[in-house]
């Protein structure tokens, strides 16, 4: 029995150590953002002078981003994308929020698909009362031009369902009691959204469905309470105070809710939305110059291969022409692009 208690205590201590690592990593993000922000601003001014900088970056995007871009999406991104920027909006101007919260802004020139010139999606890093944590977001509408909706209506319907849920919660004062409804109790719009998701299949949706990602339903209030409770518990641990695990009704309520709880991804049109946001903020955005350079190198290699093929074809033609007229000038080579 003593051994089991000792092992459990060791597991708890390891969890505390993991929490300390998380605190340090979070502070590193905060400090890194403060140090690199002026450098990114300088880079932004420079790349604005380079035609097609961001389309070329997207063209060489890492697999964590590229896998979500359909051919129809490329038509927009490669022709109309003007800029991409990432900010940690909760700590802007000395804010004390979580530095893991990020906003990703994409600017576009005039295009045939939508009217918006700026699409910005915010992701809040939140912790739930049951201990889970991650990025949550709100659907961002896109003003599609007639017949040009690349999401096939998925995004519009997601925005509509989210807005209806928000209005219902406000009307019922249900912000603290967020019981999830079972599929049989869904509204007509929720059922229509589920049918559309099934029709498209999660692997074949447009990149622009990403703007409809929501994530776990964790409010700012719930997250703040969970964070404070975690800090308090860890402080008590550090002071050597005993912290008895909570028994009561909350656990019983959770058990009761398990049967009623729906699949959290049932109405999610872009389940990997948080992963894509992280790929943007931790890879594509900071490494943009690297991907742009790769795009230029790939273009140069493509030109070189084209010239080599052209030379071989011209040499073959020249041999035949020499038999007819030795004085005829050789054919011109393809001029390499600068």
C-alpha atoms as a PDB file:
ATOM      1  CA  UNK A   1       0.000   0.000   0.000  1.00  0.00           C
ATOM      2  CA  UNK A   2       2.842   2.314   0.907  1.00  0.00           C
ATOM      3  CA  UNK A   3       4.493   1.618  -2.435  1.00  0.00           C
ATOM      4  CA  UNK A   4       1.332   2.547  -4.327  1.00  0.00           C
ATOM      5  CA  UNK A   5       1.029   5.809  -2.397  1.00  0.00           C
ATOM      6  CA  UNK A   6       4.677   6.599  -3.101  1.00  0.00           C
ATOM      7  CA  UNK A   7       4.227   5.904  -6.816  1.00  0.00           C
ATOM      8  CA  UNK A   8       1.117   8.110  -6.926  1.00  0.00           C
ATOM      9  CA  UNK A   9       3.005  10.886  -5.164  1.00  0.00           C
ATOM     10  CA  UNK A  10       5.793  10.551  -7.734  1.00  0.00           C
ATOM     11  CA  UNK A  11       3.303  10.839 -10.587  1.00  0.00           C
ATOM     12  CA  UNK A  12       1.865  13.992  -9.013  1.00  0.00           C
ATOM     13  CA  UNK A  13       5.358  15.444  -8.645  1.00  0.00           C
ATOM     14  CA  UNK A  14       6.079  14.701 -12.311  1.00  0.00           C
ATOM     15  CA  UNK A  15       2.871  16.493 -13.292  1.00  0.00           C
ATOM     16  CA  UNK A  16       4.051  19.504 -11.288  1.00  0.00           C
ATOM     17  CA  UNK A  17       7.400  19.455 -13.078  1.00  0.00           C
ATOM     18  CA  UNK A  18       5.601  19.304 -16.419  1.00  0.00           C
ATOM     19  CA  UNK A  19       3.583  22.346 -15.377  1.00  0.00           C
ATOM     20  CA  UNK A  20       6.792  24.207 -14.518  1.00  0.00           C
ATOM     21  CA  UNK A  21       8.204  23.420 -17.966  1.00  0.00           C
ATOM     22  CA  UNK A  22       4.997  24.776 -19.513  1.00  0.00           C
ATOM     23  CA  UNK A  23       5.334  27.992 -17.512  1.00  0.00           C
ATOM     24  CA  UNK A  24       8.886  28.497 -18.764  1.00  0.00           C
ATOM     25  CA  UNK A  25       7.947  27.752 -22.386  1.00  0.00           C
ATOM     26  CA  UNK A  26       5.071  30.231 -22.167  1.00  0.00           C
ATOM     27  CA  UNK A  27       7.374  32.926 -20.818  1.00  0.00           C
ATOM     28  CA  UNK A  28       9.877  32.184 -23.611  1.00  0.00           C
ATOM     29  CA  UNK A  29       7.112  32.801 -26.173  1.00  0.00           C
ATOM     30  CA  UNK A  30       6.301  36.106 -24.469  1.00  0.00           C
ATOM     31  CA  UNK A  31       9.930  37.270 -24.480  1.00  0.00           C
ATOM     32  CA  UNK A  32      10.634  35.994 -27.997  1.00  0.00           C
ATOM     33  CA  UNK A  33       7.657  37.852 -29.400  1.00  0.00           C
ATOM     34  CA  UNK A  34       8.774  41.105 -27.787  1.00  0.00           C
ATOM     35  CA  UNK A  35      12.305  40.700 -29.182  1.00  0.00           C
ATOM     36  CA  UNK A  36      11.363  39.629 -32.709  1.00  0.00           C
ATOM     37  CA  UNK A  37       8.376  41.898 -33.341  1.00  0.00           C
ATOM     38  CA  UNK A  38      10.448  44.848 -34.669  1.00  0.00           C
ATOM     39  CA  UNK A  39      12.407  42.459 -36.897  1.00  0.00           C
ATOM     40  CA  UNK A  40       9.226  41.040 -38.391  1.00  0.00           C
ATOM     41  CA  UNK A  41       7.981  44.587 -38.987  1.00  0.00           C
ATOM     42  CA  UNK A  42      11.217  45.365 -40.830  1.00  0.00           C
ATOM     43  CA  UNK A  43      10.831  42.176 -42.890  1.00  0.00           C
ATOM     44  CA  UNK A  44       7.236  43.080 -43.730  1.00  0.00           C
ATOM     45  CA  UNK A  45       8.310  46.421 -45.219  1.00  0.00           C
ATOM     46  CA  UNK A  46      10.986  44.755 -47.339  1.00  0.00           C
ATOM     47  CA  UNK A  47       8.938  41.854 -48.697  1.00  0.00           C
ATOM     48  CA  UNK A  48       6.145  44.281 -49.637  1.00  0.00           C
ATOM     49  CA  UNK A  49       8.503  45.474 -52.391  1.00  0.00           C
ATOM     50  CA  UNK A  50       8.924  41.951 -53.814  1.00  0.00           C
ATOM     51  CA  UNK A  51       6.211  40.904 -56.297  1.00  0.00           C
ATOM     52  CA  UNK A  52       4.462  37.630 -55.411  1.00  0.00           C
ATOM     53  CA  UNK A  53       6.510  37.062 -52.255  1.00  0.00           C
ATOM     54  CA  UNK A  54       3.708  35.436 -50.269  1.00  0.00           C
ATOM     55  CA  UNK A  55       2.235  33.413 -53.169  1.00  0.00           C
ATOM     56  CA  UNK A  56       5.713  31.934 -53.693  1.00  0.00           C
ATOM     57  CA  UNK A  57       5.951  31.158 -49.977  1.00  0.00           C
ATOM     58  CA  UNK A  58       2.586  29.370 -50.152  1.00  0.00           C
ATOM     59  CA  UNK A  59       3.777  27.515 -53.251  1.00  0.00           C
ATOM     60  CA  UNK A  60       6.609  26.027 -51.172  1.00  0.00           C
ATOM     61  CA  UNK A  61       4.547  25.657 -48.002  1.00  0.00           C
ATOM     62  CA  UNK A  62       5.493  22.804 -45.641  1.00  0.00           C
ATOM     63  CA  UNK A  63       3.314  19.658 -45.663  1.00  0.00           C
ATOM     64  CA  UNK A  64       1.547  20.738 -42.460  1.00  0.00           C
ATOM     65  CA  UNK A  65       0.066  23.621 -44.489  1.00  0.00           C
ATOM     66  CA  UNK A  66       0.128  22.345 -48.059  1.00  0.00           C
ATOM     67  CA  UNK A  67      -1.974  19.242 -47.314  1.00  0.00           C
ATOM     68  CA  UNK A  68      -4.996  21.450 -46.660  1.00  0.00           C
ATOM     69  CA  UNK A  69      -4.781  23.505 -49.857  1.00  0.00           C
ATOM     70  CA  UNK A  70      -6.982  22.219 -52.680  1.00  0.00           C
ATOM     71  CA  UNK A  71      -6.259  23.083 -56.349  1.00  0.00           C
ATOM     72  CA  UNK A  72      -9.210  25.492 -56.350  1.00  0.00           C
ATOM     73  CA  UNK A  73      -7.753  27.224 -53.274  1.00  0.00           C
ATOM     74  CA  UNK A  74      -4.411  27.625 -55.036  1.00  0.00           C
ATOM     75  CA  UNK A  75      -6.116  29.625 -57.769  1.00  0.00           C
ATOM     76  CA  UNK A  76      -6.881  32.308 -55.167  1.00  0.00           C
ATOM     77  CA  UNK A  77      -3.799  32.060 -52.966  1.00  0.00           C
ATOM     78  CA  UNK A  78      -1.277  32.108 -55.799  1.00  0.00           C
ATOM     79  CA  UNK A  79      -2.917  34.935 -57.718  1.00  0.00           C
ATOM     80  CA  UNK A  80      -4.397  37.247 -55.080  1.00  0.00           C
ATOM     81  CA  UNK A  81      -2.617  36.751 -51.751  1.00  0.00           C
ATOM     82  CA  UNK A  82      -0.901  40.038 -50.844  1.00  0.00           C
ATOM     83  CA  UNK A  83       0.414  39.359 -47.348  1.00  0.00           C
ATOM     84  CA  UNK A  84       0.305  37.141 -44.266  1.00  0.00           C
ATOM     85  CA  UNK A  85       0.971  38.253 -40.710  1.00  0.00           C
ATOM     86  CA  UNK A  86       0.863  36.606 -37.286  1.00  0.00           C
ATOM     87  CA  UNK A  87       0.420  38.419 -33.979  1.00  0.00           C
ATOM     88  CA  UNK A  88       0.114  37.364 -30.347  1.00  0.00           C
ATOM     89  CA  UNK A  89      -2.736  39.756 -29.754  1.00  0.00           C
ATOM     90  CA  UNK A  90      -3.290  39.139 -26.037  1.00  0.00           C
ATOM     91  CA  UNK A  91       0.157  40.484 -25.169  1.00  0.00           C
ATOM     92  CA  UNK A  92       0.237  43.387 -27.618  1.00  0.00           C
ATOM     93  CA  UNK A  93       1.138  46.726 -26.016  1.00  0.00           C
ATOM     94  CA  UNK A  94       2.168  45.083 -22.759  1.00  0.00           C
ATOM     95  CA  UNK A  95      -0.989  42.992 -22.379  1.00  0.00           C
ATOM     96  CA  UNK A  96      -0.924  40.316 -19.670  1.00  0.00           C
ATOM     97  CA  UNK A  97      -2.890  37.695 -21.607  1.00  0.00           C
ATOM     98  CA  UNK A  98      -1.660  34.315 -22.789  1.00  0.00           C
ATOM     99  CA  UNK A  99       1.142  34.627 -25.393  1.00  0.00           C
ATOM    100  CA  UNK A 100      -0.027  31.377 -26.978  1.00  0.00           C
ATOM    101  CA  UNK A 101      -3.150  33.126 -28.292  1.00  0.00           C
ATOM    102  CA  UNK A 102      -2.529  34.094 -31.924  1.00  0.00           C
ATOM    103  CA  UNK A 103      -4.175  36.029 -34.741  1.00  0.00           C
ATOM    104  CA  UNK A 104      -3.449  35.161 -38.370  1.00  0.00           C
ATOM    105  CA  UNK A 105      -4.244  37.831 -40.933  1.00  0.00           C
ATOM    106  CA  UNK A 106      -4.293  37.317 -44.697  1.00  0.00           C
ATOM    107  CA  UNK A 107      -4.657  40.244 -47.100  1.00  0.00           C
ATOM    108  CA  UNK A 108      -5.860  39.850 -50.689  1.00  0.00           C
ATOM    109  CA  UNK A 109      -6.014  41.891 -53.834  1.00  0.00           C
ATOM    110  CA  UNK A 110      -9.180  42.044 -55.937  1.00  0.00           C
ATOM    111  CA  UNK A 111     -10.202  38.534 -57.030  1.00  0.00           C
ATOM    112  CA  UNK A 112     -13.151  36.733 -58.598  1.00  0.00           C
ATOM    113  CA  UNK A 113     -14.021  34.657 -55.505  1.00  0.00           C
ATOM    114  CA  UNK A 114     -14.759  36.976 -52.571  1.00  0.00           C
ATOM    115  CA  UNK A 115     -15.135  40.654 -51.761  1.00  0.00           C
ATOM    116  CA  UNK A 116     -13.020  40.717 -48.598  1.00  0.00           C
ATOM    117  CA  UNK A 117      -9.561  42.241 -48.802  1.00  0.00           C
ATOM    118  CA  UNK A 118      -8.636  41.122 -45.265  1.00  0.00           C
ATOM    119  CA  UNK A 119      -9.423  37.814 -43.553  1.00  0.00           C
ATOM    120  CA  UNK A 120      -8.272  37.559 -39.937  1.00  0.00           C
ATOM    121  CA  UNK A 121      -8.800  34.605 -37.631  1.00  0.00           C
ATOM    122  CA  UNK A 122      -8.106  34.721 -33.897  1.00  0.00           C
ATOM    123  CA  UNK A 123      -7.240  31.727 -31.735  1.00  0.00           C
ATOM    124  CA  UNK A 124      -7.484  31.997 -27.946  1.00  0.00           C
ATOM    125  CA  UNK A 125      -5.458  29.612 -25.786  1.00  0.00           C
ATOM    126  CA  UNK A 126      -7.847  28.446 -23.066  1.00  0.00           C
ATOM    127  CA  UNK A 127      -8.031  25.868 -20.299  1.00  0.00           C
ATOM    128  CA  UNK A 128     -11.233  24.040 -19.362  1.00  0.00           C
ATOM    129  CA  UNK A 129     -12.379  23.084 -15.872  1.00  0.00           C
ATOM    130  CA  UNK A 130     -11.628  19.422 -16.628  1.00  0.00           C
ATOM    131  CA  UNK A 131      -7.959  20.211 -17.323  1.00  0.00           C
ATOM    132  CA  UNK A 132      -7.871  20.144 -21.117  1.00  0.00           C
ATOM    133  CA  UNK A 133      -6.294  23.116 -22.892  1.00  0.00           C
ATOM    134  CA  UNK A 134      -5.776  24.355 -26.436  1.00  0.00           C
ATOM    135  CA  UNK A 135      -6.703  26.862 -29.114  1.00  0.00           C
ATOM    136  CA  UNK A 136     -10.343  27.835 -29.578  1.00  0.00           C
ATOM    137  CA  UNK A 137     -11.770  30.212 -32.155  1.00  0.00           C
ATOM    138  CA  UNK A 138     -14.907  31.714 -33.648  1.00  0.00           C
ATOM    139  CA  UNK A 139     -16.098  31.271 -37.250  1.00  0.00           C
ATOM    140  CA  UNK A 140     -15.079  34.072 -39.606  1.00  0.00           C
ATOM    141  CA  UNK A 141     -17.532  34.788 -42.466  1.00  0.00           C
ATOM    142  CA  UNK A 142     -16.343  35.343 -46.021  1.00  0.00           C
ATOM    143  CA  UNK A 143     -18.316  37.489 -48.490  1.00  0.00           C
ATOM    144  CA  UNK A 144     -18.368  35.131 -51.457  1.00  0.00           C
ATOM    145  CA  UNK A 145     -19.225  36.415 -54.897  1.00  0.00           C
ATOM    146  CA  UNK A 146     -22.162  34.769 -56.649  1.00  0.00           C
ATOM    147  CA  UNK A 147     -21.432  31.141 -57.477  1.00  0.00           C
ATOM    148  CA  UNK A 148     -17.843  31.326 -56.191  1.00  0.00           C
ATOM    149  CA  UNK A 149     -18.105  29.807 -52.690  1.00  0.00           C
ATOM    150  CA  UNK A 150     -15.131  27.443 -52.496  1.00  0.00           C
ATOM    151  CA  UNK A 151     -16.512  25.861 -49.308  1.00  0.00           C
ATOM    152  CA  UNK A 152     -19.762  24.822 -50.985  1.00  0.00           C
ATOM    153  CA  UNK A 153     -21.857  26.551 -48.321  1.00  0.00           C
ATOM    154  CA  UNK A 154     -20.081  24.894 -45.380  1.00  0.00           C
ATOM    155  CA  UNK A 155     -18.603  28.093 -43.992  1.00  0.00           C
ATOM    156  CA  UNK A 156     -21.804  30.134 -44.280  1.00  0.00           C
ATOM    157  CA  UNK A 157     -23.807  27.427 -42.528  1.00  0.00           C
ATOM    158  CA  UNK A 158     -21.176  27.084 -39.789  1.00  0.00           C
ATOM    159  CA  UNK A 159     -21.332  30.833 -39.119  1.00  0.00           C
ATOM    160  CA  UNK A 160     -25.139  30.668 -39.015  1.00  0.00           C
ATOM    161  CA  UNK A 161     -25.209  27.735 -36.561  1.00  0.00           C
ATOM    162  CA  UNK A 162     -22.605  29.380 -34.331  1.00  0.00           C
ATOM    163  CA  UNK A 163     -24.523  32.676 -34.281  1.00  0.00           C
ATOM    164  CA  UNK A 164     -27.773  30.885 -33.416  1.00  0.00           C
ATOM    165  CA  UNK A 165     -26.068  29.059 -30.543  1.00  0.00           C
ATOM    166  CA  UNK A 166     -24.571  32.281 -29.237  1.00  0.00           C
ATOM    167  CA  UNK A 167     -27.924  34.086 -29.307  1.00  0.00           C
ATOM    168  CA  UNK A 168     -29.662  31.161 -27.602  1.00  0.00           C
ATOM    169  CA  UNK A 169     -27.062  31.074 -24.814  1.00  0.00           C
ATOM    170  CA  UNK A 170     -27.392  34.817 -24.256  1.00  0.00           C
ATOM    171  CA  UNK A 171     -31.175  34.612 -24.177  1.00  0.00           C
ATOM    172  CA  UNK A 172     -31.171  31.735 -21.675  1.00  0.00           C
ATOM    173  CA  UNK A 173     -28.294  33.071 -19.608  1.00  0.00           C
ATOM    174  CA  UNK A 174     -26.681  29.713 -20.221  1.00  0.00           C
ATOM    175  CA  UNK A 175     -23.059  30.792 -20.348  1.00  0.00           C
ATOM    176  CA  UNK A 176     -22.311  28.808 -17.175  1.00  0.00           C
ATOM    177  CA  UNK A 177     -24.401  25.783 -18.076  1.00  0.00           C
ATOM    178  CA  UNK A 178     -23.251  24.616 -21.473  1.00  0.00           C
ATOM    179  CA  UNK A 179     -24.829  21.182 -21.810  1.00  0.00           C
ATOM    180  CA  UNK A 180     -24.357  19.823 -25.284  1.00  0.00           C
ATOM    181  CA  UNK A 181     -27.442  18.723 -27.138  1.00  0.00           C
ATOM    182  CA  UNK A 182     -27.781  15.233 -28.535  1.00  0.00           C
ATOM    183  CA  UNK A 183     -27.984  14.905 -32.355  1.00  0.00           C
ATOM    184  CA  UNK A 184     -31.688  14.094 -32.196  1.00  0.00           C
ATOM    185  CA  UNK A 185     -32.250  17.488 -30.546  1.00  0.00           C
ATOM    186  CA  UNK A 186     -30.299  19.465 -33.139  1.00  0.00           C
ATOM    187  CA  UNK A 187     -31.894  22.349 -35.013  1.00  0.00           C
ATOM    188  CA  UNK A 188     -32.637  22.072 -38.726  1.00  0.00           C
ATOM    189  CA  UNK A 189     -29.509  24.091 -39.519  1.00  0.00           C
ATOM    190  CA  UNK A 190     -27.320  21.874 -37.334  1.00  0.00           C
ATOM    191  CA  UNK A 191     -28.637  18.773 -39.091  1.00  0.00           C
ATOM    192  CA  UNK A 192     -28.080  20.416 -42.494  1.00  0.00           C
ATOM    193  CA  UNK A 193     -24.508  21.248 -41.500  1.00  0.00           C
ATOM    194  CA  UNK A 194     -23.842  17.651 -40.457  1.00  0.00           C
ATOM    195  CA  UNK A 195     -25.219  16.416 -43.780  1.00  0.00           C
ATOM    196  CA  UNK A 196     -22.924  18.787 -45.682  1.00  0.00           C
ATOM    197  CA  UNK A 197     -19.905  17.638 -43.661  1.00  0.00           C
ATOM    198  CA  UNK A 198     -20.735  14.013 -44.498  1.00  0.00           C
ATOM    199  CA  UNK A 199     -21.202  14.886 -48.164  1.00  0.00           C
ATOM    200  CA  UNK A 200     -17.831  16.609 -48.526  1.00  0.00           C
ATOM    201  CA  UNK A 201     -15.768  14.337 -46.321  1.00  0.00           C
ATOM    202  CA  UNK A 202     -13.296  15.948 -43.922  1.00  0.00           C
ATOM    203  CA  UNK A 203     -10.303  15.345 -46.174  1.00  0.00           C
ATOM    204  CA  UNK A 204     -11.685  17.156 -49.197  1.00  0.00           C
ATOM    205  CA  UNK A 205     -12.858  20.476 -47.847  1.00  0.00           C
ATOM    206  CA  UNK A 206     -11.465  23.805 -48.985  1.00  0.00           C
ATOM    207  CA  UNK A 207      -8.641  25.546 -47.124  1.00  0.00           C
ATOM    208  CA  UNK A 208     -11.113  28.383 -46.551  1.00  0.00           C
ATOM    209  CA  UNK A 209     -13.202  26.089 -44.315  1.00  0.00           C
ATOM    210  CA  UNK A 210     -10.403  26.708 -41.817  1.00  0.00           C
ATOM    211  CA  UNK A 211     -12.026  30.072 -41.122  1.00  0.00           C
ATOM    212  CA  UNK A 212     -14.956  28.120 -39.670  1.00  0.00           C
ATOM    213  CA  UNK A 213     -12.897  26.228 -37.064  1.00  0.00           C
ATOM    214  CA  UNK A 214     -14.217  26.524 -33.485  1.00  0.00           C
ATOM    215  CA  UNK A 215     -12.489  23.959 -31.272  1.00  0.00           C
ATOM    216  CA  UNK A 216     -13.604  23.068 -27.760  1.00  0.00           C
ATOM    217  CA  UNK A 217     -16.359  25.190 -26.234  1.00  0.00           C
ATOM    218  CA  UNK A 218     -14.356  26.960 -23.502  1.00  0.00           C
ATOM    219  CA  UNK A 219     -15.395  30.463 -22.504  1.00  0.00           C
ATOM    220  CA  UNK A 220     -12.966  33.140 -21.327  1.00  0.00           C
ATOM    221  CA  UNK A 221     -14.613  33.023 -17.885  1.00  0.00           C
ATOM    222  CA  UNK A 222     -14.231  29.251 -17.531  1.00  0.00           C
ATOM    223  CA  UNK A 223     -10.606  29.453 -18.660  1.00  0.00           C
ATOM    224  CA  UNK A 224      -9.772  32.229 -16.181  1.00  0.00           C
ATOM    225  CA  UNK A 225     -11.271  30.232 -13.305  1.00  0.00           C
ATOM    226  CA  UNK A 226      -9.435  27.058 -14.347  1.00  0.00           C
ATOM    227  CA  UNK A 227      -6.113  28.919 -14.571  1.00  0.00           C
ATOM    228  CA  UNK A 228      -6.568  30.509 -11.140  1.00  0.00           C
ATOM    229  CA  UNK A 229      -7.534  27.197  -9.550  1.00  0.00           C
ATOM    230  CA  UNK A 230      -4.466  25.554 -11.065  1.00  0.00           C
ATOM    231  CA  UNK A 231      -2.198  28.339  -9.756  1.00  0.00           C
ATOM    232  CA  UNK A 232      -3.745  28.052  -6.295  1.00  0.00           C
ATOM    233  CA  UNK A 233      -3.342  24.276  -6.189  1.00  0.00           C
ATOM    234  CA  UNK A 234       0.285  24.474  -7.277  1.00  0.00           C
ATOM    235  CA  UNK A 235       1.030  27.219  -4.752  1.00  0.00           C
ATOM    236  CA  UNK A 236      -0.401  25.065  -1.964  1.00  0.00           C
ATOM    237  CA  UNK A 237       1.722  22.178  -3.137  1.00  0.00           C
ATOM    238  CA  UNK A 238       4.829  24.350  -3.110  1.00  0.00           C
ATOM    239  CA  UNK A 239       4.054  25.448   0.450  1.00  0.00           C
ATOM    240  CA  UNK A 240       3.668  21.829   1.521  1.00  0.00           C
ATOM    241  CA  UNK A 241      -0.026  22.080   2.260  1.00  0.00           C
ATOM    242  CA  UNK A 242      -2.085  18.972   1.733  1.00  0.00           C
ATOM    243  CA  UNK A 243      -4.523  19.162  -1.100  1.00  0.00           C
ATOM    244  CA  UNK A 244      -7.255  16.615  -0.881  1.00  0.00           C
ATOM    245  CA  UNK A 245      -8.820  15.655  -4.203  1.00  0.00           C
ATOM    246  CA  UNK A 246     -12.326  17.076  -4.647  1.00  0.00           C
ATOM    247  CA  UNK A 247     -14.989  14.450  -4.230  1.00  0.00           C
ATOM    248  CA  UNK A 248     -18.319  15.837  -4.557  1.00  0.00           C
ATOM    249  CA  UNK A 249     -21.029  16.602  -6.861  1.00  0.00           C
ATOM    250  CA  UNK A 250     -18.969  17.951  -9.738  1.00  0.00           C
ATOM    251  CA  UNK A 251     -17.616  14.493 -10.510  1.00  0.00           C
ATOM    252  CA  UNK A 252     -21.108  13.002 -10.252  1.00  0.00           C
ATOM    253  CA  UNK A 253     -22.447  15.642 -12.633  1.00  0.00           C
ATOM    254  CA  UNK A 254     -19.651  14.904 -15.100  1.00  0.00           C
ATOM    255  CA  UNK A 255     -20.562  11.219 -14.998  1.00  0.00           C
ATOM    256  CA  UNK A 256     -24.181  12.061 -15.681  1.00  0.00           C
ATOM    257  CA  UNK A 257     -23.266  14.304 -18.595  1.00  0.00           C
ATOM    258  CA  UNK A 258     -21.139  11.652 -20.304  1.00  0.00           C
ATOM    259  CA  UNK A 259     -24.189   9.867 -21.691  1.00  0.00           C
ATOM    260  CA  UNK A 260     -25.637  13.108 -23.043  1.00  0.00           C
ATOM    261  CA  UNK A 261     -22.417  14.461 -24.545  1.00  0.00           C
ATOM    262  CA  UNK A 262     -22.184  14.612 -28.317  1.00  0.00           C
ATOM    263  CA  UNK A 263     -19.136  14.000 -30.466  1.00  0.00           C
ATOM    264  CA  UNK A 264     -17.107  17.242 -30.083  1.00  0.00           C
ATOM    265  CA  UNK A 265     -16.213  17.111 -33.786  1.00  0.00           C
ATOM    266  CA  UNK A 266     -19.756  16.418 -34.968  1.00  0.00           C
ATOM    267  CA  UNK A 267     -20.289  19.943 -36.299  1.00  0.00           C
ATOM    268  CA  UNK A 268     -16.628  20.895 -36.835  1.00  0.00           C
ATOM    269  CA  UNK A 269     -15.894  21.561 -40.519  1.00  0.00           C
ATOM    270  CA  UNK A 270     -12.115  21.775 -40.042  1.00  0.00           C
ATOM    271  CA  UNK A 271     -11.066  19.505 -37.127  1.00  0.00           C
ATOM    272  CA  UNK A 272      -7.348  20.254 -37.596  1.00  0.00           C
ATOM    273  CA  UNK A 273      -7.857  24.016 -37.476  1.00  0.00           C
ATOM    274  CA  UNK A 274      -5.648  24.444 -34.402  1.00  0.00           C
ATOM    275  CA  UNK A 275      -2.839  22.396 -35.984  1.00  0.00           C
ATOM    276  CA  UNK A 276      -2.934  24.554 -39.106  1.00  0.00           C
ATOM    277  CA  UNK A 277      -2.844  27.722 -36.994  1.00  0.00           C
ATOM    278  CA  UNK A 278       0.249  26.439 -35.181  1.00  0.00           C
ATOM    279  CA  UNK A 279       1.879  25.485 -38.507  1.00  0.00           C
ATOM    280  CA  UNK A 280       1.325  29.046 -39.736  1.00  0.00           C
ATOM    281  CA  UNK A 281       2.655  30.703 -36.580  1.00  0.00           C
ATOM    282  CA  UNK A 282       5.581  28.383 -35.829  1.00  0.00           C
ATOM    283  CA  UNK A 283       6.747  27.391 -39.316  1.00  0.00           C
ATOM    284  CA  UNK A 284       5.395  29.227 -42.372  1.00  0.00           C
ATOM    285  CA  UNK A 285       5.469  32.720 -40.825  1.00  0.00           C
ATOM    286  CA  UNK A 286       8.928  32.683 -39.179  1.00  0.00           C
ATOM    287  CA  UNK A 287      10.499  30.731 -42.063  1.00  0.00           C
ATOM    288  CA  UNK A 288       8.904  32.722 -44.900  1.00  0.00           C
ATOM    289  CA  UNK A 289      12.249  33.877 -46.365  1.00  0.00           C
ATOM    290  CA  UNK A 290      13.482  30.284 -46.443  1.00  0.00           C
ATOM    291  CA  UNK A 291      10.399  29.109 -48.355  1.00  0.00           C
ATOM    292  CA  UNK A 292      10.625  32.079 -50.735  1.00  0.00           C
ATOM    293  CA  UNK A 293      14.270  31.193 -51.469  1.00  0.00           C
ATOM    294  CA  UNK A 294      13.281  27.568 -52.110  1.00  0.00           C
ATOM    295  CA  UNK A 295      10.629  28.757 -54.558  1.00  0.00           C
ATOM    296  CA  UNK A 296      13.191  30.804 -56.476  1.00  0.00           C
ATOM    297  CA  UNK A 297      15.623  27.889 -56.571  1.00  0.00           C
ATOM    298  CA  UNK A 298      12.888  25.579 -57.815  1.00  0.00           C
ATOM    299  CA  UNK A 299      11.996  28.095 -60.525  1.00  0.00           C
ATOM    300  CA  UNK A 300      15.640  28.398 -61.575  1.00  0.00           C
ATOM    301  CA  UNK A 301      15.994  24.607 -61.769  1.00  0.00           C
ATOM    302  CA  UNK A 302      12.818  24.417 -63.833  1.00  0.00           C
ATOM    303  CA  UNK A 303      14.224  26.987 -66.278  1.00  0.00           C
ATOM    304  CA  UNK A 304      17.512  25.111 -66.481  1.00  0.00           C
ATOM    305  CA  UNK A 305      15.784  21.816 -67.245  1.00  0.00           C
ATOM    306  CA  UNK A 306      13.713  23.560 -69.919  1.00  0.00           C
ATOM    307  CA  UNK A 307      16.860  24.986 -71.513  1.00  0.00           C
ATOM    308  CA  UNK A 308      18.597  21.600 -71.490  1.00  0.00           C
ATOM    309  CA  UNK A 309      15.613  19.976 -73.197  1.00  0.00           C
ATOM    310  CA  UNK A 310      15.532  22.835 -75.711  1.00  0.00           C
ATOM    311  CA  UNK A 311      19.250  22.452 -76.422  1.00  0.00           C
ATOM    312  CA  UNK A 312      18.922  18.715 -77.069  1.00  0.00           C
ATOM    313  CA  UNK A 313      16.029  19.286 -79.437  1.00  0.00           C
ATOM    314  CA  UNK A 314      17.892  22.062 -81.248  1.00  0.00           C
ATOM    315  CA  UNK A 315      21.028  19.911 -81.633  1.00  0.00           C
ATOM    316  CA  UNK A 316      19.004  17.170 -83.250  1.00  0.00           C
ATOM    317  CA  UNK A 317      17.399  19.622 -85.651  1.00  0.00           C
ATOM    318  CA  UNK A 318      20.791  21.162 -86.445  1.00  0.00           C
ATOM    319  CA  UNK A 319      22.260  17.853 -87.598  1.00  0.00           C
ATOM    320  CA  UNK A 320      19.528  17.430 -90.185  1.00  0.00           C
ATOM    321  CA  UNK A 321      19.775  21.028 -91.320  1.00  0.00           C
ATOM    322  CA  UNK A 322      23.536  20.790 -91.858  1.00  0.00           C
ATOM    323  CA  UNK A 323      22.932  18.141 -94.485  1.00  0.00           C
ATOM    324  CA  UNK A 324      20.764  20.608 -96.415  1.00  0.00           C
ATOM    325  CA  UNK A 325      22.556  23.888 -95.785  1.00  0.00           C
ATOM    326  CA  UNK A 326      25.826  24.173 -93.855  1.00  0.00           C
ATOM    327  CA  UNK A 327      25.683  27.988 -93.884  1.00  0.00           C
ATOM    328  CA  UNK A 328      22.285  28.306 -92.126  1.00  0.00           C
ATOM    329  CA  UNK A 329      22.454  29.977 -88.692  1.00  0.00           C
ATOM    330  CA  UNK A 330      21.815  27.740 -85.648  1.00  0.00           C
ATOM    331  CA  UNK A 331      18.445  28.095 -83.912  1.00  0.00           C
ATOM    332  CA  UNK A 332      18.176  30.502 -80.994  1.00  0.00           C
ATOM    333  CA  UNK A 333      18.131  29.187 -77.443  1.00  0.00           C
ATOM    334  CA  UNK A 334      15.360  29.984 -74.995  1.00  0.00           C
ATOM    335  CA  UNK A 335      16.172  33.140 -73.092  1.00  0.00           C
ATOM    336  CA  UNK A 336      16.401  32.408 -69.362  1.00  0.00           C
ATOM    337  CA  UNK A 337      14.043  34.366 -67.103  1.00  0.00           C
ATOM    338  CA  UNK A 338      15.674  36.800 -64.699  1.00  0.00           C
END
